Amino acid sequence: MQARRASRELALIIFSQIGKEIDKFNPNDFEQMILGSVRTLISNCSDEISIVTSELSNVREFVEDFENNHPDNLSRPIDAINIPVEMPLTSKMKEDIDIIMNVAEKSMSALEVAELSVLSGQNDVKRYVQKIISAYKDKKSDIDNVIKELASGWDIDRLFKIDKDILRIAIAELLFVKDAPVKVIIDEALELAKKYSTDESPSFINGILAKVVEAYV
């Protein structure tokens, strides 16, 4: 995980914590905010892995029951060890395979959280998070007005908060921080949407940011 990517993810978690209290943001409290953000990520990731690990146990139990109750094993002596049996790739098994794949993805997420915890202590990460938050604090009205203007047909007050915060971070970077390539800022905003928001969010956010680039960058 690159430092800037870590900064954006930390900034998103901090935004979720301070909400409308952004005007009270105090750089002196920054260390605690970073620590709180990392702890939130670790807690969420731990909960998710516990859930998918439980699901994986269910998959194993299903496979064992299938093997135990297969005619080839039912016909064997009661004290005999089961022999492997073929399993049809039914829709149920496809669902179970998807669960296993999800476990692998969550495990990767856990590794990212561990890496993020380390990166959060690096000065370049801290500085960039602070740049993003300070830019939004100083230009809050301008940034939210850009979203209102370009999100035609959408009421900004009714948008998912996570989507608004992703847009706020990206627009703050595009228009005021200006320390990263436009494509990188947009791509990583979409990655945050895929990771933390709904299936429709990346498309919505991409559309808004494309308009921002066209109109203001």
N, C-alpha and C. Protein backbone atom coordinates (compact mmCIF):
# COMPACT_ATOMS: atom_id res chain seq x y z
N MET A 1 0.85 -1.20 0.00
CA MET A 1 0.00 0.00 0.00
C MET A 1 0.88 1.24 0.00
N GLN A 2 0.67 2.11 -0.98
CA GLN A 2 1.46 3.31 -1.08
C GLN A 2 1.04 4.32 -0.02
N ALA A 3 1.97 5.24 0.30
CA ALA A 3 1.71 6.20 1.36
C ALA A 3 0.48 7.06 1.07
N ARG A 4 0.36 7.55 -0.16
CA ARG A 4 -0.78 8.41 -0.50
C ARG A 4 -2.10 7.64 -0.39
N ARG A 5 -2.07 6.38 -0.82
CA ARG A 5 -3.28 5.57 -0.72
C ARG A 5 -3.67 5.38 0.74
N ALA A 6 -2.67 5.14 1.58
CA ALA A 6 -2.93 5.01 3.01
C ALA A 6 -3.50 6.31 3.56
N SER A 7 -2.97 7.44 3.11
CA SER A 7 -3.46 8.74 3.57
C SER A 7 -4.93 8.93 3.24
N ARG A 8 -5.31 8.56 2.03
CA ARG A 8 -6.71 8.73 1.61
C ARG A 8 -7.64 7.85 2.44
N GLU A 9 -7.21 6.64 2.70
CA GLU A 9 -8.05 5.72 3.48
C GLU A 9 -8.19 6.23 4.92
N LEU A 10 -7.10 6.69 5.49
CA LEU A 10 -7.18 7.25 6.84
C LEU A 10 -8.05 8.50 6.87
N ALA A 11 -7.91 9.34 5.84
CA ALA A 11 -8.72 10.55 5.78
C ALA A 11 -10.21 10.20 5.73
N LEU A 12 -10.56 9.15 4.99
CA LEU A 12 -11.96 8.74 4.87
C LEU A 12 -12.50 8.29 6.23
N ILE A 13 -11.70 7.54 6.97
CA ILE A 13 -12.14 7.09 8.29
C ILE A 13 -12.27 8.28 9.25
N ILE A 14 -11.34 9.22 9.15
CA ILE A 14 -11.42 10.42 10.01
C ILE A 14 -12.66 11.23 9.67
N PHE A 15 -12.95 11.38 8.38
CA PHE A 15 -14.16 12.10 7.97
C PHE A 15 -15.39 11.46 8.59
N SER A 16 -15.42 10.14 8.63
CA SER A 16 -16.58 9.44 9.18
C SER A 16 -16.72 9.70 10.68
N GLN A 17 -15.61 10.00 11.34
CA GLN A 17 -15.63 10.24 12.78
C GLN A 17 -16.02 11.67 13.13
N ILE A 18 -15.50 12.63 12.37
CA ILE A 18 -15.70 14.03 12.77
C ILE A 18 -16.94 14.65 12.13
N GLY A 19 -17.36 14.13 10.97
CA GLY A 19 -18.58 14.59 10.34
C GLY A 19 -18.69 16.10 10.24
N LYS A 20 -19.79 16.64 10.75
CA LYS A 20 -20.02 18.09 10.67
C LYS A 20 -19.15 18.87 11.65
N GLU A 21 -18.38 18.14 12.45
CA GLU A 21 -17.49 18.81 13.40
C GLU A 21 -16.15 19.17 12.77
N ILE A 22 -16.08 19.13 11.45
CA ILE A 22 -14.82 19.40 10.74
C ILE A 22 -14.26 20.77 11.12
N ASP A 23 -15.14 21.74 11.39
CA ASP A 23 -14.68 23.08 11.72
C ASP A 23 -13.92 23.11 13.05
N LYS A 24 -14.13 22.08 13.85
CA LYS A 24 -13.45 22.00 15.14
C LYS A 24 -12.15 21.19 15.04
N PHE A 25 -11.81 20.81 13.82
CA PHE A 25 -10.59 20.01 13.63
C PHE A 25 -9.38 20.74 14.19
N ASN A 26 -8.66 20.05 15.04
CA ASN A 26 -7.49 20.63 15.70
C ASN A 26 -6.27 19.78 15.40
N PRO A 27 -5.29 20.33 14.68
CA PRO A 27 -4.09 19.55 14.35
C PRO A 27 -3.41 18.95 15.58
N ASN A 28 -3.62 19.57 16.75
CA ASN A 28 -3.01 19.04 17.97
C ASN A 28 -3.59 17.69 18.37
N ASP A 29 -4.82 17.42 17.90
CA ASP A 29 -5.47 16.14 18.20
C ASP A 29 -5.24 15.11 17.10
N PHE A 30 -4.40 15.48 16.15
CA PHE A 30 -4.26 14.67 14.94
C PHE A 30 -3.76 13.26 15.23
N GLU A 31 -2.79 13.13 16.11
CA GLU A 31 -2.22 11.82 16.43
C GLU A 31 -3.31 10.87 16.93
N GLN A 32 -4.17 11.38 17.81
CA GLN A 32 -5.22 10.54 18.36
C GLN A 32 -6.26 10.18 17.31
N MET A 33 -6.51 11.11 16.39
CA MET A 33 -7.46 10.83 15.31
C MET A 33 -6.93 9.74 14.40
N ILE A 34 -5.65 9.79 14.08
CA ILE A 34 -5.03 8.75 13.26
C ILE A 34 -5.12 7.41 13.97
N LEU A 35 -4.76 7.40 15.25
CA LEU A 35 -4.80 6.16 16.02
C LEU A 35 -6.22 5.61 16.08
N GLY A 36 -7.18 6.49 16.29
CA GLY A 36 -8.57 6.06 16.32
C GLY A 36 -9.02 5.48 15.00
N SER A 37 -8.55 6.07 13.90
CA SER A 37 -8.92 5.58 12.56
C SER A 37 -8.37 4.18 12.33
N VAL A 38 -7.12 3.96 12.68
CA VAL A 38 -6.51 2.64 12.50
C VAL A 38 -7.23 1.61 13.36
N ARG A 39 -7.55 1.98 14.59
CA ARG A 39 -8.27 1.05 15.46
C ARG A 39 -9.64 0.69 14.89
N THR A 40 -10.30 1.68 14.29
CA THR A 40 -11.60 1.41 13.65
C THR A 40 -11.45 0.42 12.51
N LEU A 41 -10.43 0.62 11.67
CA LEU A 41 -10.19 -0.30 10.56
C LEU A 41 -9.91 -1.70 11.06
N ILE A 42 -9.06 -1.82 12.08
CA ILE A 42 -8.70 -3.13 12.61
C ILE A 42 -9.93 -3.82 13.19
N SER A 43 -10.75 -3.08 13.91
CA SER A 43 -11.95 -3.66 14.50
C SER A 43 -12.92 -4.15 13.44
N ASN A 44 -13.13 -3.32 12.41
CA ASN A 44 -14.03 -3.72 11.32
C ASN A 44 -13.53 -4.94 10.59
N CYS A 45 -12.23 -4.94 10.33
CA CYS A 45 -11.64 -6.06 9.60
C CYS A 45 -11.73 -7.34 10.42
N SER A 46 -11.49 -7.23 11.72
CA SER A 46 -11.57 -8.38 12.61
C SER A 46 -12.98 -8.96 12.63
N ASP A 47 -13.98 -8.09 12.67
CA ASP A 47 -15.37 -8.54 12.66
C ASP A 47 -15.70 -9.28 11.36
N GLU A 48 -15.25 -8.72 10.24
CA GLU A 48 -15.53 -9.32 8.95
C GLU A 48 -14.88 -10.70 8.82
N ILE A 49 -13.64 -10.81 9.28
CA ILE A 49 -12.94 -12.10 9.17
C ILE A 49 -13.59 -13.13 10.08
N SER A 50 -14.09 -12.71 11.24
CA SER A 50 -14.79 -13.65 12.13
C SER A 50 -16.04 -14.20 11.45
N ILE A 51 -16.75 -13.33 10.74
CA ILE A 51 -17.96 -13.75 10.04
C ILE A 51 -17.65 -14.75 8.94
N VAL A 52 -16.66 -14.41 8.10
CA VAL A 52 -16.38 -15.29 6.96
C VAL A 52 -15.71 -16.59 7.42
N THR A 53 -14.97 -16.54 8.54
CA THR A 53 -14.39 -17.77 9.07
C THR A 53 -15.49 -18.71 9.53
N SER A 54 -16.53 -18.15 10.13
CA SER A 54 -17.68 -18.96 10.53
C SER A 54 -18.35 -19.59 9.32
N GLU A 55 -18.48 -18.80 8.24
CA GLU A 55 -19.07 -19.33 7.01
C GLU A 55 -18.21 -20.44 6.42
N LEU A 56 -16.90 -20.29 6.51
CA LEU A 56 -15.99 -21.31 6.00
C LEU A 56 -16.15 -22.61 6.79
N SER A 57 -16.39 -22.50 8.08
CA SER A 57 -16.64 -23.69 8.90
C SER A 57 -17.91 -24.39 8.44
N ASN A 58 -18.92 -23.60 8.06
CA ASN A 58 -20.16 -24.19 7.56
C ASN A 58 -19.92 -24.95 6.26
N VAL A 59 -19.06 -24.38 5.41
CA VAL A 59 -18.73 -25.06 4.16
C VAL A 59 -18.07 -26.41 4.44
N ARG A 60 -17.12 -26.40 5.36
CA ARG A 60 -16.43 -27.64 5.72
C ARG A 60 -17.42 -28.68 6.27
N GLU A 61 -18.33 -28.22 7.11
CA GLU A 61 -19.33 -29.13 7.68
C GLU A 61 -20.21 -29.72 6.59
N PHE A 62 -20.56 -28.91 5.60
CA PHE A 62 -21.38 -29.39 4.49
C PHE A 62 -20.64 -30.49 3.72
N VAL A 63 -19.35 -30.24 3.45
CA VAL A 63 -18.55 -31.21 2.70
C VAL A 63 -18.43 -32.52 3.49
N GLU A 64 -18.19 -32.42 4.79
CA GLU A 64 -18.06 -33.62 5.62
C GLU A 64 -19.37 -34.41 5.65
N ASP A 65 -20.50 -33.70 5.79
CA ASP A 65 -21.80 -34.38 5.80
C ASP A 65 -22.06 -35.07 4.46
N PHE A 66 -21.71 -34.39 3.39
CA PHE A 66 -21.91 -34.97 2.05
C PHE A 66 -21.11 -36.26 1.92
N GLU A 67 -19.86 -36.21 2.40
CA GLU A 67 -19.00 -37.39 2.32
C GLU A 67 -19.53 -38.51 3.21
N ASN A 68 -19.93 -38.18 4.42
CA ASN A 68 -20.42 -39.20 5.35
C ASN A 68 -21.67 -39.90 4.84
N ASN A 69 -22.54 -39.14 4.18
CA ASN A 69 -23.83 -39.67 3.76
C ASN A 69 -23.85 -40.18 2.32
N HIS A 70 -22.68 -40.14 1.66
CA HIS A 70 -22.60 -40.65 0.30
C HIS A 70 -22.77 -42.17 0.34
N PRO A 71 -23.52 -42.74 -0.63
CA PRO A 71 -23.74 -44.20 -0.65
C PRO A 71 -22.45 -45.02 -0.56
N ASP A 72 -21.37 -44.53 -1.19
CA ASP A 72 -20.11 -45.29 -1.15
C ASP A 72 -19.58 -45.44 0.27
N ASN A 73 -19.85 -44.45 1.13
CA ASN A 73 -19.37 -44.53 2.51
C ASN A 73 -20.38 -45.16 3.45
N LEU A 74 -21.66 -44.97 3.15
CA LEU A 74 -22.69 -45.60 3.98
C LEU A 74 -22.62 -47.13 3.90
N SER A 75 -22.13 -47.65 2.77
CA SER A 75 -22.04 -49.10 2.58
C SER A 75 -20.79 -49.70 3.21
N ARG A 76 -19.88 -48.84 3.73
CA ARG A 76 -18.64 -49.34 4.33
C ARG A 76 -18.86 -49.69 5.80
N PRO A 77 -17.98 -50.51 6.37
CA PRO A 77 -18.09 -50.85 7.80
C PRO A 77 -18.10 -49.58 8.64
N ILE A 78 -18.80 -49.63 9.78
CA ILE A 78 -19.02 -48.44 10.59
C ILE A 78 -17.72 -47.84 11.10
N ASP A 79 -16.69 -48.68 11.31
CA ASP A 79 -15.43 -48.16 11.84
C ASP A 79 -14.40 -47.86 10.75
N ALA A 80 -14.83 -47.97 9.49
CA ALA A 80 -13.90 -47.71 8.38
C ALA A 80 -13.78 -46.21 8.12
N ILE A 81 -12.59 -45.80 7.69
CA ILE A 81 -12.36 -44.39 7.34
C ILE A 81 -13.05 -44.08 6.03
N ASN A 82 -13.68 -42.92 5.96
CA ASN A 82 -14.36 -42.52 4.72
C ASN A 82 -13.38 -42.47 3.55
N ILE A 83 -13.90 -42.81 2.38
CA ILE A 83 -13.13 -42.63 1.16
C ILE A 83 -13.58 -41.34 0.48
N PRO A 84 -12.67 -40.65 -0.23
CA PRO A 84 -13.08 -39.43 -0.94
C PRO A 84 -14.15 -39.74 -1.98
N VAL A 85 -15.08 -38.83 -2.16
CA VAL A 85 -16.15 -39.02 -3.14
C VAL A 85 -16.25 -37.79 -4.03
N GLU A 86 -16.77 -37.97 -5.21
CA GLU A 86 -16.96 -36.84 -6.11
C GLU A 86 -18.15 -36.02 -5.67
N MET A 87 -18.02 -34.69 -5.83
CA MET A 87 -19.11 -33.79 -5.48
C MET A 87 -19.58 -33.05 -6.73
N PRO A 88 -20.87 -33.04 -6.97
CA PRO A 88 -21.37 -32.29 -8.13
C PRO A 88 -21.23 -30.79 -7.88
N LEU A 89 -20.88 -30.04 -8.92
CA LEU A 89 -20.74 -28.59 -8.78
C LEU A 89 -22.11 -27.95 -8.92
N THR A 90 -22.90 -28.07 -7.85
CA THR A 90 -24.25 -27.52 -7.83
C THR A 90 -24.19 -26.03 -7.53
N SER A 91 -25.35 -25.38 -7.62
CA SER A 91 -25.39 -23.96 -7.31
C SER A 91 -25.00 -23.72 -5.86
N LYS A 92 -25.33 -24.67 -4.98
CA LYS A 92 -24.95 -24.54 -3.57
C LYS A 92 -23.44 -24.53 -3.43
N MET A 93 -22.76 -25.42 -4.16
CA MET A 93 -21.31 -25.46 -4.08
C MET A 93 -20.69 -24.19 -4.66
N LYS A 94 -21.30 -23.63 -5.70
CA LYS A 94 -20.79 -22.39 -6.25
C LYS A 94 -20.88 -21.26 -5.21
N GLU A 95 -21.99 -21.24 -4.49
CA GLU A 95 -22.14 -20.24 -3.44
C GLU A 95 -21.06 -20.43 -2.38
N ASP A 96 -20.79 -21.68 -2.02
CA ASP A 96 -19.79 -21.96 -1.00
C ASP A 96 -18.39 -21.57 -1.48
N ILE A 97 -18.11 -21.79 -2.75
CA ILE A 97 -16.82 -21.40 -3.31
C ILE A 97 -16.68 -19.87 -3.26
N ASP A 98 -17.78 -19.18 -3.55
CA ASP A 98 -17.75 -17.71 -3.46
C ASP A 98 -17.42 -17.26 -2.04
N ILE A 99 -17.95 -17.97 -1.06
CA ILE A 99 -17.67 -17.64 0.33
C ILE A 99 -16.19 -17.81 0.62
N ILE A 100 -15.61 -18.91 0.12
CA ILE A 100 -14.18 -19.15 0.33
C ILE A 100 -13.34 -18.05 -0.31
N MET A 101 -13.75 -17.64 -1.52
CA MET A 101 -13.03 -16.56 -2.19
C MET A 101 -13.14 -15.27 -1.38
N ASN A 102 -14.30 -15.06 -0.78
CA ASN A 102 -14.50 -13.87 0.04
C ASN A 102 -13.59 -13.90 1.26
N VAL A 103 -13.40 -15.09 1.83
CA VAL A 103 -12.49 -15.24 2.96
C VAL A 103 -11.09 -14.78 2.56
N ALA A 104 -10.65 -15.20 1.36
CA ALA A 104 -9.32 -14.81 0.89
C ALA A 104 -9.22 -13.30 0.74
N GLU A 105 -10.27 -12.67 0.21
CA GLU A 105 -10.26 -11.22 0.05
C GLU A 105 -10.20 -10.50 1.40
N LYS A 106 -10.94 -11.00 2.38
CA LYS A 106 -10.94 -10.38 3.70
C LYS A 106 -9.57 -10.56 4.36
N SER A 107 -8.94 -11.71 4.10
CA SER A 107 -7.61 -11.92 4.65
C SER A 107 -6.63 -10.91 4.08
N MET A 108 -6.75 -10.64 2.78
CA MET A 108 -5.90 -9.63 2.17
C MET A 108 -6.18 -8.26 2.78
N SER A 109 -7.45 -8.00 3.06
CA SER A 109 -7.81 -6.73 3.69
C SER A 109 -7.17 -6.61 5.06
N ALA A 110 -7.10 -7.73 5.78
CA ALA A 110 -6.47 -7.71 7.10
C ALA A 110 -5.00 -7.35 7.00
N LEU A 111 -4.34 -7.88 5.96
CA LEU A 111 -2.94 -7.54 5.75
C LEU A 111 -2.77 -6.06 5.44
N GLU A 112 -3.71 -5.51 4.66
CA GLU A 112 -3.65 -4.08 4.34
C GLU A 112 -3.82 -3.23 5.59
N VAL A 113 -4.70 -3.66 6.49
CA VAL A 113 -4.90 -2.92 7.73
C VAL A 113 -3.62 -2.93 8.56
N ALA A 114 -2.97 -4.09 8.61
CA ALA A 114 -1.71 -4.18 9.35
C ALA A 114 -0.67 -3.23 8.75
N GLU A 115 -0.63 -3.20 7.42
CA GLU A 115 0.31 -2.30 6.74
C GLU A 115 -0.06 -0.84 7.00
N LEU A 116 -1.36 -0.58 6.97
CA LEU A 116 -1.84 0.79 7.21
C LEU A 116 -1.47 1.25 8.61
N SER A 117 -1.51 0.33 9.56
CA SER A 117 -1.15 0.67 10.93
C SER A 117 0.29 1.15 11.01
N VAL A 118 1.16 0.49 10.26
CA VAL A 118 2.57 0.88 10.24
C VAL A 118 2.74 2.21 9.51
N LEU A 119 2.08 2.33 8.36
CA LEU A 119 2.22 3.55 7.56
C LEU A 119 1.69 4.78 8.30
N SER A 120 0.69 4.57 9.16
CA SER A 120 0.09 5.72 9.84
C SER A 120 1.09 6.44 10.73
N GLY A 121 2.17 5.77 11.08
CA GLY A 121 3.19 6.40 11.90
C GLY A 121 4.23 7.16 11.10
N GLN A 122 4.14 7.08 9.78
CA GLN A 122 5.13 7.76 8.94
C GLN A 122 4.73 9.22 8.72
N ASN A 123 5.71 10.09 8.77
CA ASN A 123 5.43 11.52 8.67
C ASN A 123 4.79 11.92 7.36
N ASP A 124 5.21 11.28 6.23
CA ASP A 124 4.64 11.68 4.95
C ASP A 124 3.15 11.31 4.86
N VAL A 125 2.77 10.21 5.49
CA VAL A 125 1.35 9.84 5.53
C VAL A 125 0.57 10.85 6.38
N LYS A 126 1.10 11.14 7.54
CA LYS A 126 0.43 12.10 8.43
C LYS A 126 0.26 13.46 7.75
N ARG A 127 1.32 13.90 7.09
CA ARG A 127 1.26 15.23 6.44
C ARG A 127 0.20 15.26 5.36
N TYR A 128 0.10 14.16 4.58
CA TYR A 128 -0.85 14.19 3.47
C TYR A 128 -2.29 14.08 3.97
N VAL A 129 -2.50 13.29 5.02
CA VAL A 129 -3.84 13.25 5.62
C VAL A 129 -4.23 14.65 6.09
N GLN A 130 -3.29 15.31 6.74
CA GLN A 130 -3.57 16.64 7.27
C GLN A 130 -3.84 17.64 6.15
N LYS A 131 -3.12 17.50 5.02
CA LYS A 131 -3.37 18.37 3.87
C LYS A 131 -4.80 18.22 3.37
N ILE A 132 -5.23 16.96 3.25
CA ILE A 132 -6.58 16.69 2.75
C ILE A 132 -7.63 17.28 3.69
N ILE A 133 -7.50 16.99 4.97
CA ILE A 133 -8.49 17.46 5.94
C ILE A 133 -8.49 18.98 6.04
N SER A 134 -7.31 19.58 6.06
CA SER A 134 -7.22 21.04 6.14
C SER A 134 -7.81 21.70 4.90
N ALA A 135 -7.56 21.10 3.72
CA ALA A 135 -8.11 21.65 2.47
C ALA A 135 -9.62 21.62 2.51
N TYR A 136 -10.19 20.52 2.99
CA TYR A 136 -11.65 20.46 3.06
C TYR A 136 -12.20 21.42 4.11
N LYS A 137 -11.52 21.51 5.26
CA LYS A 137 -11.97 22.43 6.31
C LYS A 137 -11.99 23.87 5.80
N ASP A 138 -10.95 24.26 5.08
CA ASP A 138 -10.83 25.64 4.60
C ASP A 138 -11.77 25.94 3.43
N LYS A 139 -12.07 24.90 2.63
CA LYS A 139 -12.86 25.12 1.41
C LYS A 139 -14.16 24.30 1.42
N LYS A 140 -14.67 24.03 2.60
CA LYS A 140 -15.83 23.16 2.75
C LYS A 140 -17.01 23.60 1.88
N SER A 141 -17.36 24.87 1.96
CA SER A 141 -18.51 25.36 1.20
C SER A 141 -18.28 25.23 -0.30
N ASP A 142 -17.08 25.59 -0.76
CA ASP A 142 -16.76 25.49 -2.18
C ASP A 142 -16.87 24.05 -2.68
N ILE A 143 -16.30 23.13 -1.90
CA ILE A 143 -16.29 21.71 -2.32
C ILE A 143 -17.71 21.15 -2.34
N ASP A 144 -18.49 21.42 -1.30
CA ASP A 144 -19.86 20.90 -1.27
C ASP A 144 -20.73 21.54 -2.35
N ASN A 145 -20.45 22.80 -2.68
CA ASN A 145 -21.20 23.44 -3.76
C ASN A 145 -20.88 22.82 -5.12
N VAL A 146 -19.62 22.41 -5.30
CA VAL A 146 -19.25 21.71 -6.54
C VAL A 146 -20.03 20.41 -6.66
N ILE A 147 -20.13 19.68 -5.56
CA ILE A 147 -20.89 18.41 -5.58
C ILE A 147 -22.36 18.69 -5.89
N LYS A 148 -22.94 19.69 -5.24
CA LYS A 148 -24.34 20.03 -5.51
C LYS A 148 -24.56 20.40 -6.97
N GLU A 149 -23.62 21.18 -7.51
CA GLU A 149 -23.75 21.65 -8.89
C GLU A 149 -23.68 20.50 -9.89
N LEU A 150 -22.76 19.56 -9.65
CA LEU A 150 -22.50 18.53 -10.64
C LEU A 150 -23.29 17.24 -10.43
N ALA A 151 -23.84 17.06 -9.24
CA ALA A 151 -24.66 15.87 -8.97
C ALA A 151 -26.10 16.17 -9.35
N SER A 152 -26.31 16.46 -10.63
CA SER A 152 -27.65 16.84 -11.10
C SER A 152 -28.63 15.70 -10.85
N GLY A 153 -29.77 16.06 -10.30
CA GLY A 153 -30.79 15.05 -10.01
C GLY A 153 -30.60 14.39 -8.66
N TRP A 154 -29.55 14.76 -7.94
CA TRP A 154 -29.29 14.18 -6.63
C TRP A 154 -29.36 15.26 -5.56
N ASP A 155 -29.94 14.91 -4.42
CA ASP A 155 -29.94 15.81 -3.27
C ASP A 155 -28.72 15.45 -2.42
N ILE A 156 -27.77 16.39 -2.31
CA ILE A 156 -26.52 16.09 -1.60
C ILE A 156 -26.78 15.64 -0.17
N ASP A 157 -27.85 16.16 0.45
CA ASP A 157 -28.14 15.78 1.83
C ASP A 157 -28.64 14.34 1.94
N ARG A 158 -29.05 13.76 0.80
CA ARG A 158 -29.57 12.40 0.83
C ARG A 158 -28.60 11.37 0.24
N LEU A 159 -27.44 11.84 -0.19
CA LEU A 159 -26.42 10.91 -0.68
C LEU A 159 -25.86 10.12 0.48
N PHE A 160 -25.37 8.91 0.19
CA PHE A 160 -24.67 8.15 1.22
C PHE A 160 -23.52 9.00 1.74
N LYS A 161 -23.38 9.05 3.07
CA LYS A 161 -22.31 9.87 3.64
C LYS A 161 -20.95 9.40 3.15
N ILE A 162 -20.76 8.10 3.03
CA ILE A 162 -19.46 7.59 2.59
C ILE A 162 -19.14 8.08 1.19
N ASP A 163 -20.16 8.16 0.32
CA ASP A 163 -19.94 8.66 -1.05
C ASP A 163 -19.60 10.14 -1.04
N LYS A 164 -20.30 10.90 -0.20
CA LYS A 164 -19.99 12.34 -0.09
C LYS A 164 -18.56 12.54 0.40
N ASP A 165 -18.17 11.75 1.38
CA ASP A 165 -16.82 11.92 1.93
C ASP A 165 -15.74 11.53 0.93
N ILE A 166 -16.00 10.50 0.14
CA ILE A 166 -15.03 10.11 -0.91
C ILE A 166 -14.92 11.24 -1.93
N LEU A 167 -16.05 11.80 -2.32
CA LEU A 167 -16.03 12.93 -3.26
C LEU A 167 -15.32 14.14 -2.66
N ARG A 168 -15.57 14.41 -1.40
CA ARG A 168 -14.93 15.56 -0.75
C ARG A 168 -13.42 15.40 -0.73
N ILE A 169 -12.95 14.22 -0.42
CA ILE A 169 -11.50 13.97 -0.39
C ILE A 169 -10.91 14.16 -1.78
N ALA A 170 -11.54 13.54 -2.78
CA ALA A 170 -11.01 13.61 -4.14
C ALA A 170 -11.04 15.04 -4.68
N ILE A 171 -12.13 15.76 -4.43
CA ILE A 171 -12.24 17.14 -4.94
C ILE A 171 -11.26 18.05 -4.21
N ALA A 172 -11.08 17.83 -2.91
CA ALA A 172 -10.09 18.61 -2.17
C ALA A 172 -8.70 18.42 -2.77
N GLU A 173 -8.39 17.17 -3.14
CA GLU A 173 -7.09 16.89 -3.77
C GLU A 173 -7.00 17.51 -5.15
N LEU A 174 -8.05 17.34 -5.95
CA LEU A 174 -8.02 17.82 -7.34
C LEU A 174 -7.91 19.33 -7.42
N LEU A 175 -8.65 20.04 -6.57
CA LEU A 175 -8.76 21.48 -6.72
C LEU A 175 -7.85 22.29 -5.81
N PHE A 176 -7.46 21.72 -4.66
CA PHE A 176 -6.75 22.54 -3.69
C PHE A 176 -5.41 21.97 -3.23
N VAL A 177 -5.30 20.65 -3.09
CA VAL A 177 -4.02 20.07 -2.69
C VAL A 177 -3.09 19.97 -3.90
N LYS A 178 -3.58 19.38 -4.97
CA LYS A 178 -2.88 19.33 -6.26
C LYS A 178 -1.47 18.73 -6.17
N ASP A 179 -1.34 17.68 -5.37
CA ASP A 179 -0.02 17.06 -5.21
C ASP A 179 0.06 15.67 -5.85
N ALA A 180 -0.99 15.27 -6.58
CA ALA A 180 -1.01 13.93 -7.18
C ALA A 180 -1.64 14.02 -8.56
N PRO A 181 -1.29 13.09 -9.47
CA PRO A 181 -1.89 13.09 -10.80
C PRO A 181 -3.41 12.91 -10.74
N VAL A 182 -4.10 13.56 -11.64
CA VAL A 182 -5.57 13.49 -11.67
C VAL A 182 -6.05 12.05 -11.76
N LYS A 183 -5.45 11.27 -12.65
CA LYS A 183 -5.90 9.88 -12.84
C LYS A 183 -5.75 9.07 -11.55
N VAL A 184 -4.66 9.28 -10.85
CA VAL A 184 -4.43 8.54 -9.59
C VAL A 184 -5.48 8.90 -8.56
N ILE A 185 -5.78 10.18 -8.43
CA ILE A 185 -6.79 10.63 -7.46
C ILE A 185 -8.14 9.99 -7.76
N ILE A 186 -8.53 9.99 -9.02
CA ILE A 186 -9.83 9.42 -9.40
C ILE A 186 -9.83 7.90 -9.21
N ASP A 187 -8.79 7.23 -9.67
CA ASP A 187 -8.72 5.77 -9.54
C ASP A 187 -8.81 5.34 -8.08
N GLU A 188 -8.13 6.07 -7.21
CA GLU A 188 -8.13 5.66 -5.81
C GLU A 188 -9.43 6.03 -5.11
N ALA A 189 -10.11 7.06 -5.59
CA ALA A 189 -11.45 7.36 -5.08
C ALA A 189 -12.40 6.22 -5.42
N LEU A 190 -12.26 5.69 -6.64
CA LEU A 190 -13.10 4.57 -7.05
C LEU A 190 -12.79 3.32 -6.24
N GLU A 191 -11.52 3.11 -5.91
CA GLU A 191 -11.15 1.95 -5.08
C GLU A 191 -11.76 2.07 -3.69
N LEU A 192 -11.76 3.27 -3.14
CA LEU A 192 -12.40 3.47 -1.83
C LEU A 192 -13.90 3.19 -1.91
N ALA A 193 -14.53 3.61 -3.01
CA ALA A 193 -15.96 3.35 -3.18
C ALA A 193 -16.24 1.86 -3.28
N LYS A 194 -15.40 1.14 -4.03
CA LYS A 194 -15.58 -0.31 -4.16
C LYS A 194 -15.42 -1.01 -2.82
N LYS A 195 -14.49 -0.51 -2.03
CA LYS A 195 -14.17 -1.16 -0.75
C LYS A 195 -15.19 -0.85 0.33
N TYR A 196 -15.70 0.39 0.36
CA TYR A 196 -16.50 0.81 1.50
C TYR A 196 -17.96 1.13 1.20
N SER A 197 -18.33 1.28 -0.08
CA SER A 197 -19.70 1.71 -0.37
C SER A 197 -20.46 0.67 -1.18
N THR A 198 -21.48 1.11 -1.89
CA THR A 198 -22.38 0.20 -2.60
C THR A 198 -21.84 -0.13 -4.00
N ASP A 199 -22.48 -1.09 -4.65
CA ASP A 199 -22.06 -1.48 -6.00
C ASP A 199 -22.24 -0.34 -7.01
N GLU A 200 -23.22 0.53 -6.76
CA GLU A 200 -23.49 1.63 -7.69
C GLU A 200 -22.57 2.83 -7.46
N SER A 201 -21.93 2.88 -6.31
CA SER A 201 -21.17 4.07 -5.93
C SER A 201 -19.99 4.39 -6.85
N PRO A 202 -19.18 3.39 -7.27
CA PRO A 202 -18.05 3.74 -8.14
C PRO A 202 -18.48 4.45 -9.42
N SER A 203 -19.56 3.99 -10.03
CA SER A 203 -20.03 4.61 -11.26
C SER A 203 -20.49 6.05 -11.00
N PHE A 204 -21.23 6.24 -9.91
CA PHE A 204 -21.72 7.57 -9.56
C PHE A 204 -20.55 8.52 -9.29
N ILE A 205 -19.59 8.07 -8.48
CA ILE A 205 -18.44 8.90 -8.12
C ILE A 205 -17.58 9.20 -9.34
N ASN A 206 -17.39 8.21 -10.20
CA ASN A 206 -16.62 8.42 -11.42
C ASN A 206 -17.26 9.50 -12.29
N GLY A 207 -18.58 9.47 -12.40
CA GLY A 207 -19.29 10.45 -13.20
C GLY A 207 -19.12 11.87 -12.66
N ILE A 208 -19.23 12.02 -11.35
CA ILE A 208 -19.08 13.34 -10.73
C ILE A 208 -17.66 13.85 -10.90
N LEU A 209 -16.67 13.00 -10.65
CA LEU A 209 -15.28 13.44 -10.73
C LEU A 209 -14.87 13.76 -12.17
N ALA A 210 -15.45 13.05 -13.13
CA ALA A 210 -15.18 13.37 -14.54
C ALA A 210 -15.67 14.78 -14.85
N LYS A 211 -16.83 15.14 -14.31
CA LYS A 211 -17.37 16.49 -14.51
C LYS A 211 -16.50 17.54 -13.80
N VAL A 212 -15.98 17.19 -12.63
CA VAL A 212 -15.11 18.11 -11.89
C VAL A 212 -13.86 18.42 -12.73
N VAL A 213 -13.28 17.37 -13.28
CA VAL A 213 -12.06 17.55 -14.10
C VAL A 213 -12.36 18.41 -15.31
N GLU A 214 -13.48 18.12 -15.95
CA GLU A 214 -13.84 18.86 -17.17
C GLU A 214 -14.12 20.33 -16.86
N ALA A 215 -14.75 20.60 -15.74
CA ALA A 215 -15.18 21.97 -15.43
C ALA A 215 -14.13 22.81 -14.70
N TYR A 216 -13.28 22.14 -13.89
CA TYR A 216 -12.44 22.93 -12.98
C TYR A 216 -10.95 22.65 -13.06
N VAL A 217 -10.55 21.52 -13.58
CA VAL A 217 -9.12 21.18 -13.54
C VAL A 217 -8.43 21.59 -14.84
